[in-house]
Amino acid sequence: MSRYRLNLFIQPEHARRLDELAAKKGVSKSSIVAAALASWLSPDAGDRREAAMAKRLDRLSRQFERLERDQSIQIETLALFIRYYLTVSAAVPEAHQDAARAQGRARFEQFIEQLGRRLLRGRSLVRDVIEEMQPPDHAIGERLDEVAAQAEEHGL
């Protein structure tokens, strides 16, 4: 079997790692490069790379779909809350506007503090409420699973 001589330029870091691997395995650098090249050029190597890439893309697609579904649920939840709040909130008379603004600022600051504490703890309010209110038969969790499955079926 004849061989061809090649002069290649590689990154210094790759050369160092090639030297280390050859010394560790007790083989020539040429045999390592030849094996790597054979693996890269083999027909099934491309299939393996494509399969690995497809698997990763599928996983990323599923993650993106879950994120999109969760975002849709969050937007819908916020919209429903805003509609409810605007429906039940009474207008503040002009004479009480300054006091209402001051109270609003105080409440908002309290909200931001609570949000910061929750984010630092890394816990979800929804999960906390579910755990606190969960009946023995786990009906709430099962219902949430059903709703999530239905939302997923409808592309939410």
C-alpha atoms as a PDB file:
ATOM      1  CA  MET A   1       0.000   0.000   0.000  1.00  0.00           C
ATOM      2  CA  SER A   2       1.489   3.315  -1.033  1.00  0.00           C
ATOM      3  CA  ARG A   3       1.363   6.405   1.096  1.00  0.00           C
ATOM      4  CA  TYR A   4       1.309  10.092   0.244  1.00  0.00           C
ATOM      5  CA  ARG A   5       3.327  12.649   2.081  1.00  0.00           C
ATOM      6  CA  LEU A   6       1.470  15.818   3.100  1.00  0.00           C
ATOM      7  CA  ASN A   7       2.748  18.957   4.742  1.00  0.00           C
ATOM      8  CA  LEU A   8      -0.055  20.454   6.796  1.00  0.00           C
ATOM      9  CA  PHE A   9      -0.436  23.567   8.866  1.00  0.00           C
ATOM     10  CA  ILE A  10      -2.408  23.203  12.085  1.00  0.00           C
ATOM     11  CA  GLN A  11      -3.014  25.354  15.123  1.00  0.00           C
ATOM     12  CA  PRO A  12      -0.256  25.239  17.756  1.00  0.00           C
ATOM     13  CA  GLU A  13      -2.751  23.983  20.357  1.00  0.00           C
ATOM     14  CA  HIS A  14      -3.775  21.104  18.066  1.00  0.00           C
ATOM     15  CA  ALA A  15      -0.114  20.243  17.431  1.00  0.00           C
ATOM     16  CA  ARG A  16       0.562  20.160  21.173  1.00  0.00           C
ATOM     17  CA  ARG A  17      -2.455  17.921  21.810  1.00  0.00           C
ATOM     18  CA  LEU A  18      -1.454  15.644  18.916  1.00  0.00           C
ATOM     19  CA  ASP A  19       2.050  15.291  20.380  1.00  0.00           C
ATOM     20  CA  GLU A  20       0.607  14.469  23.812  1.00  0.00           C
ATOM     21  CA  LEU A  21      -1.830  11.891  22.434  1.00  0.00           C
ATOM     22  CA  ALA A  22       0.848  10.188  20.318  1.00  0.00           C
ATOM     23  CA  ALA A  23       3.178   9.963  23.326  1.00  0.00           C
ATOM     24  CA  LYS A  24       0.393   8.711  25.594  1.00  0.00           C
ATOM     25  CA  LYS A  25      -0.812   6.041  23.141  1.00  0.00           C
ATOM     26  CA  GLY A  26       2.649   5.130  21.943  1.00  0.00           C
ATOM     27  CA  VAL A  27       1.763   5.573  18.274  1.00  0.00           C
ATOM     28  CA  SER A  28       2.890   7.922  15.544  1.00  0.00           C
ATOM     29  CA  LYS A  29       1.233  11.255  14.887  1.00  0.00           C
ATOM     30  CA  SER A  30       0.712  10.121  11.292  1.00  0.00           C
ATOM     31  CA  SER A  31      -1.348   7.114  12.401  1.00  0.00           C
ATOM     32  CA  ILE A  32      -3.559   9.330  14.586  1.00  0.00           C
ATOM     33  CA  VAL A  33      -4.117  11.819  11.753  1.00  0.00           C
ATOM     34  CA  ALA A  34      -4.778   8.962   9.297  1.00  0.00           C
ATOM     35  CA  ALA A  35      -7.356   7.397  11.642  1.00  0.00           C
ATOM     36  CA  ALA A  36      -9.074  10.759  12.190  1.00  0.00           C
ATOM     37  CA  LEU A  37      -9.156  11.425   8.451  1.00  0.00           C
ATOM     38  CA  ALA A  38     -10.534   7.939   7.733  1.00  0.00           C
ATOM     39  CA  SER A  39     -13.248   8.462  10.327  1.00  0.00           C
ATOM     40  CA  TRP A  40     -14.108  11.885   8.915  1.00  0.00           C
ATOM     41  CA  LEU A  41     -14.274  10.600   5.324  1.00  0.00           C
ATOM     42  CA  SER A  42     -16.144   7.349   6.019  1.00  0.00           C
ATOM     43  CA  PRO A  43     -19.671   7.285   4.582  1.00  0.00           C
ATOM     44  CA  ASP A  44     -21.333   6.377   7.872  1.00  0.00           C
ATOM     45  CA  ALA A  45     -19.480   9.130   9.759  1.00  0.00           C
ATOM     46  CA  GLY A  46     -21.534  11.710   7.884  1.00  0.00           C
ATOM     47  CA  ASP A  47     -24.689   9.800   8.759  1.00  0.00           C
ATOM     48  CA  ARG A  48     -23.705   9.736  12.438  1.00  0.00           C
ATOM     49  CA  ARG A  49     -23.019  13.475  12.403  1.00  0.00           C
ATOM     50  CA  GLU A  50     -26.314  14.148  10.647  1.00  0.00           C
ATOM     51  CA  ALA A  51     -28.189  11.907  13.096  1.00  0.00           C
ATOM     52  CA  ALA A  52     -26.569  13.633  16.063  1.00  0.00           C
ATOM     53  CA  MET A  53     -27.382  17.037  14.600  1.00  0.00           C
ATOM     54  CA  ALA A  54     -30.977  16.006  13.880  1.00  0.00           C
ATOM     55  CA  LYS A  55     -31.364  14.702  17.423  1.00  0.00           C
ATOM     56  CA  ARG A  56     -30.057  17.973  18.855  1.00  0.00           C
ATOM     57  CA  LEU A  57     -32.289  20.034  16.570  1.00  0.00           C
ATOM     58  CA  ASP A  58     -35.298  17.953  17.604  1.00  0.00           C
ATOM     59  CA  ARG A  59     -34.498  18.544  21.271  1.00  0.00           C
ATOM     60  CA  LEU A  60     -34.063  22.270  20.664  1.00  0.00           C
ATOM     61  CA  SER A  61     -37.351  22.358  18.747  1.00  0.00           C
ATOM     62  CA  ARG A  62     -39.185  20.692  21.628  1.00  0.00           C
ATOM     63  CA  GLN A  63     -37.630  23.138  24.103  1.00  0.00           C
ATOM     64  CA  PHE A  64     -38.612  26.070  21.905  1.00  0.00           C
ATOM     65  CA  GLU A  65     -42.171  24.744  21.571  1.00  0.00           C
ATOM     66  CA  ARG A  66     -42.439  24.446  25.377  1.00  0.00           C
ATOM     67  CA  LEU A  67     -41.120  27.975  25.801  1.00  0.00           C
ATOM     68  CA  GLU A  68     -43.579  29.249  23.220  1.00  0.00           C
ATOM     69  CA  ARG A  69     -46.452  27.402  24.929  1.00  0.00           C
ATOM     70  CA  ASP A  70     -45.443  28.723  28.352  1.00  0.00           C
ATOM     71  CA  GLN A  71     -45.170  32.253  27.005  1.00  0.00           C
ATOM     72  CA  SER A  72     -48.645  32.003  25.461  1.00  0.00           C
ATOM     73  CA  ILE A  73     -50.047  30.826  28.788  1.00  0.00           C
ATOM     74  CA  GLN A  74     -48.311  33.682  30.606  1.00  0.00           C
ATOM     75  CA  ILE A  75     -49.603  36.275  28.154  1.00  0.00           C
ATOM     76  CA  GLU A  76     -53.148  34.927  28.389  1.00  0.00           C
ATOM     77  CA  THR A  77     -52.951  34.853  32.188  1.00  0.00           C
ATOM     78  CA  LEU A  78     -51.736  38.439  32.311  1.00  0.00           C
ATOM     79  CA  ALA A  79     -54.427  39.586  29.872  1.00  0.00           C
ATOM     80  CA  LEU A  80     -57.166  37.913  31.929  1.00  0.00           C
ATOM     81  CA  PHE A  81     -55.833  39.489  35.134  1.00  0.00           C
ATOM     82  CA  ILE A  82     -55.667  42.950  33.551  1.00  0.00           C
ATOM     83  CA  ARG A  83     -59.227  42.633  32.249  1.00  0.00           C
ATOM     84  CA  TYR A  84     -60.453  41.504  35.670  1.00  0.00           C
ATOM     85  CA  TYR A  85     -58.544  44.284  37.461  1.00  0.00           C
ATOM     86  CA  LEU A  86     -59.876  46.963  35.133  1.00  0.00           C
ATOM     87  CA  THR A  87     -63.404  45.591  35.521  1.00  0.00           C
ATOM     88  CA  VAL A  88     -63.455  45.632  39.338  1.00  0.00           C
ATOM     89  CA  SER A  89     -61.342  48.749  39.981  1.00  0.00           C
ATOM     90  CA  ALA A  90     -63.287  51.892  40.725  1.00  0.00           C
ATOM     91  CA  ALA A  91     -62.155  55.244  39.374  1.00  0.00           C
ATOM     92  CA  VAL A  92     -60.368  57.432  41.931  1.00  0.00           C
ATOM     93  CA  PRO A  93     -61.876  60.882  42.443  1.00  0.00           C
ATOM     94  CA  GLU A  94     -59.670  63.834  41.472  1.00  0.00           C
ATOM     95  CA  ALA A  95     -59.297  64.928  45.112  1.00  0.00           C
ATOM     96  CA  HIS A  96     -57.706  61.588  46.038  1.00  0.00           C
ATOM     97  CA  GLN A  97     -55.356  61.206  43.027  1.00  0.00           C
ATOM     98  CA  ASP A  98     -52.160  62.199  44.892  1.00  0.00           C
ATOM     99  CA  ALA A  99     -52.870  59.796  47.758  1.00  0.00           C
ATOM    100  CA  ALA A 100     -53.690  57.013  45.281  1.00  0.00           C
ATOM    101  CA  ARG A 101     -50.407  57.602  43.412  1.00  0.00           C
ATOM    102  CA  ALA A 102     -48.426  57.504  46.664  1.00  0.00           C
ATOM    103  CA  GLN A 103     -50.165  54.284  47.698  1.00  0.00           C
ATOM    104  CA  GLY A 104     -49.532  52.849  44.221  1.00  0.00           C
ATOM    105  CA  ARG A 105     -45.810  53.635  44.449  1.00  0.00           C
ATOM    106  CA  ALA A 106     -45.615  52.007  47.899  1.00  0.00           C
ATOM    107  CA  ARG A 107     -47.440  48.902  46.665  1.00  0.00           C
ATOM    108  CA  PHE A 108     -45.217  48.699  43.588  1.00  0.00           C
ATOM    109  CA  GLU A 109     -42.073  48.906  45.714  1.00  0.00           C
ATOM    110  CA  GLN A 110     -43.454  46.124  47.929  1.00  0.00           C
ATOM    111  CA  PHE A 111     -44.200  44.069  44.801  1.00  0.00           C
ATOM    112  CA  ILE A 112     -40.641  44.540  43.485  1.00  0.00           C
ATOM    113  CA  GLU A 113     -39.190  43.497  46.855  1.00  0.00           C
ATOM    114  CA  GLN A 114     -41.345  40.350  46.932  1.00  0.00           C
ATOM    115  CA  LEU A 115     -40.434  39.545  43.329  1.00  0.00           C
ATOM    116  CA  GLY A 116     -36.733  39.941  44.117  1.00  0.00           C
ATOM    117  CA  ARG A 117     -36.984  37.595  47.108  1.00  0.00           C
ATOM    118  CA  ARG A 118     -38.823  34.958  45.069  1.00  0.00           C
ATOM    119  CA  LEU A 119     -36.292  35.156  42.238  1.00  0.00           C
ATOM    120  CA  LEU A 120     -33.400  34.823  44.680  1.00  0.00           C
ATOM    121  CA  ARG A 121     -34.991  31.708  46.192  1.00  0.00           C
ATOM    122  CA  GLY A 122     -35.517  30.229  42.736  1.00  0.00           C
ATOM    123  CA  ARG A 123     -39.000  29.008  43.572  1.00  0.00           C
ATOM    124  CA  SER A 124     -42.166  29.393  41.530  1.00  0.00           C
ATOM    125  CA  LEU A 125     -45.250  30.913  43.162  1.00  0.00           C
ATOM    126  CA  VAL A 126     -47.454  28.628  41.089  1.00  0.00           C
ATOM    127  CA  ARG A 127     -45.625  25.528  42.360  1.00  0.00           C
ATOM    128  CA  ASP A 128     -45.755  26.825  45.959  1.00  0.00           C
ATOM    129  CA  VAL A 129     -49.517  27.379  45.743  1.00  0.00           C
ATOM    130  CA  ILE A 130     -50.072  23.971  44.179  1.00  0.00           C
ATOM    131  CA  GLU A 131     -48.034  22.285  46.911  1.00  0.00           C
ATOM    132  CA  GLU A 132     -49.880  24.162  49.679  1.00  0.00           C
ATOM    133  CA  MET A 133     -53.344  23.479  48.318  1.00  0.00           C
ATOM    134  CA  GLN A 134     -52.793  20.026  46.858  1.00  0.00           C
ATOM    135  CA  PRO A 135     -55.511  17.653  48.101  1.00  0.00           C
ATOM    136  CA  PRO A 136     -54.576  14.074  48.948  1.00  0.00           C
ATOM    137  CA  ASP A 137     -55.807  12.767  45.602  1.00  0.00           C
ATOM    138  CA  HIS A 138     -53.500  15.172  43.680  1.00  0.00           C
ATOM    139  CA  ALA A 139     -56.459  16.422  41.631  1.00  0.00           C
ATOM    140  CA  ILE A 140     -54.963  19.869  41.065  1.00  0.00           C
ATOM    141  CA  GLY A 141     -51.700  18.527  39.671  1.00  0.00           C
ATOM    142  CA  GLU A 142     -53.566  16.098  37.451  1.00  0.00           C
ATOM    143  CA  ARG A 143     -55.827  18.894  36.223  1.00  0.00           C
ATOM    144  CA  LEU A 144     -52.816  21.091  35.455  1.00  0.00           C
ATOM    145  CA  ASP A 145     -51.301  18.215  33.483  1.00  0.00           C
ATOM    146  CA  GLU A 146     -54.575  17.856  31.554  1.00  0.00           C
ATOM    147  CA  VAL A 147     -54.702  21.583  30.800  1.00  0.00           C
ATOM    148  CA  ALA A 148     -51.057  21.581  29.681  1.00  0.00           C
ATOM    149  CA  ALA A 149     -51.716  18.593  27.394  1.00  0.00           C
ATOM    150  CA  GLN A 150     -54.778  20.306  25.901  1.00  0.00           C
ATOM    151  CA  ALA A 151     -52.826  23.521  25.378  1.00  0.00           C
ATOM    152  CA  GLU A 152     -50.089  21.551  23.651  1.00  0.00           C
ATOM    153  CA  GLU A 153     -52.645  19.862  21.368  1.00  0.00           C
ATOM    154  CA  HIS A 154     -53.977  23.262  20.326  1.00  0.00           C
ATOM    155  CA  GLY A 155     -50.509  24.627  19.650  1.00  0.00           C
ATOM    156  CA  LEU A 156     -50.389  26.893  22.692  1.00  0.00           C
END
